[in-house]
């Protein structure tokens, strides 16, 4: 059986602490994942990206601010930050 997992990592309280446990579980089960980091999370938390070397890494925007990064609700300056 093939397992594919995508994990969004953003500024939800506790996200920075959960990464250790998630990586441990994935390693124990020999499962690879795609970690999608929010830019603001990486700015505000020390993350050793090398720890994710065995997985795919991506960015899924800068911040989830309750508007869901809905460009239709943002002014031009907000869209280009």
Protein backbone atom coordinates (compact mmCIF):
# COMPACT_ATOMS: atom_id res chain seq x y z
CA UNK A 1 0.00 0.00 0.00
CA UNK A 2 1.23 3.51 -0.81
CA UNK A 3 0.60 6.36 1.62
CA UNK A 4 0.83 10.03 0.66
CA UNK A 5 0.59 12.71 3.35
CA UNK A 6 0.54 16.49 3.07
CA UNK A 7 1.05 18.51 6.25
CA UNK A 8 0.29 22.24 6.48
CA UNK A 9 2.51 23.96 9.04
CA UNK A 10 1.33 27.40 10.05
CA UNK A 11 0.77 29.58 13.10
CA UNK A 12 -1.74 27.34 14.84
CA UNK A 13 -0.76 27.19 18.51
CA UNK A 14 1.45 24.18 19.14
CA UNK A 15 2.47 23.60 15.52
CA UNK A 16 6.13 24.15 16.33
CA UNK A 17 5.99 21.50 19.07
CA UNK A 18 4.07 18.96 16.98
CA UNK A 19 6.74 18.78 14.28
CA UNK A 20 9.07 16.62 16.41
CA UNK A 21 6.36 14.04 17.06
CA UNK A 22 5.16 14.06 13.45
CA UNK A 23 8.69 13.46 12.15
CA UNK A 24 9.16 10.64 14.67
CA UNK A 25 5.93 8.90 13.65
CA UNK A 26 6.74 9.23 9.94
CA UNK A 27 10.23 7.81 10.45
CA UNK A 28 8.99 4.90 12.57
CA UNK A 29 6.52 3.96 9.83
CA UNK A 30 8.86 4.71 6.91
CA UNK A 31 6.37 7.20 5.46
CA UNK A 32 7.36 10.27 3.47
CA UNK A 33 5.30 13.46 3.55
CA UNK A 34 5.05 16.85 1.94
CA UNK A 35 5.42 19.66 4.49
CA UNK A 36 3.89 22.93 3.37
CA UNK A 37 5.15 25.79 5.52
CA UNK A 38 3.55 29.21 5.86
CA UNK A 39 6.17 31.93 5.42
CA UNK A 40 5.20 33.71 8.64
CA UNK A 41 5.63 30.48 10.61
CA UNK A 42 9.21 30.15 9.34
CA UNK A 43 9.92 33.78 10.23
CA UNK A 44 8.63 33.40 13.77
CA UNK A 45 9.97 29.93 14.62
CA UNK A 46 13.42 28.44 14.43
CA UNK A 47 13.02 25.51 12.07
CA UNK A 48 15.93 23.27 11.08
CA UNK A 49 14.87 22.57 7.49
CA UNK A 50 17.56 19.88 7.22
CA UNK A 51 15.38 17.71 9.48
CA UNK A 52 12.88 17.53 6.61
CA UNK A 53 15.45 16.50 3.99
CA UNK A 54 13.83 13.09 3.44
CA UNK A 55 10.48 14.73 2.70
CA UNK A 56 9.14 17.21 0.19
CA UNK A 57 9.09 20.83 1.35
CA UNK A 58 6.96 23.64 0.00
CA UNK A 59 5.42 26.98 0.87
CA UNK A 60 1.68 27.57 0.93
CA UNK A 61 1.55 31.30 1.35
CA UNK A 62 2.73 33.76 3.94
CA UNK A 63 0.00 33.75 6.57
CA UNK A 64 -3.45 32.37 7.26
CA UNK A 65 -5.15 35.37 8.81
CA UNK A 66 -8.79 34.29 8.92
CA UNK A 67 -9.47 35.46 5.39
CA UNK A 68 -7.93 32.29 4.02
CA UNK A 69 -5.59 34.37 1.88
CA UNK A 70 -8.56 35.11 -0.34
CA UNK A 71 -7.10 37.54 -2.86
CA UNK A 72 -10.56 38.85 -3.61
CA UNK A 73 -10.72 40.25 -0.07
CA UNK A 74 -7.23 41.80 -0.15
CA UNK A 75 -6.15 45.15 -1.50
CA UNK A 76 -3.32 45.28 -4.05
CA UNK A 77 -0.63 45.95 -1.41
CA UNK A 78 -1.71 42.94 0.63
CA UNK A 79 -1.65 40.70 -2.44
CA UNK A 80 1.95 41.57 -3.23
CA UNK A 81 3.52 41.37 0.22
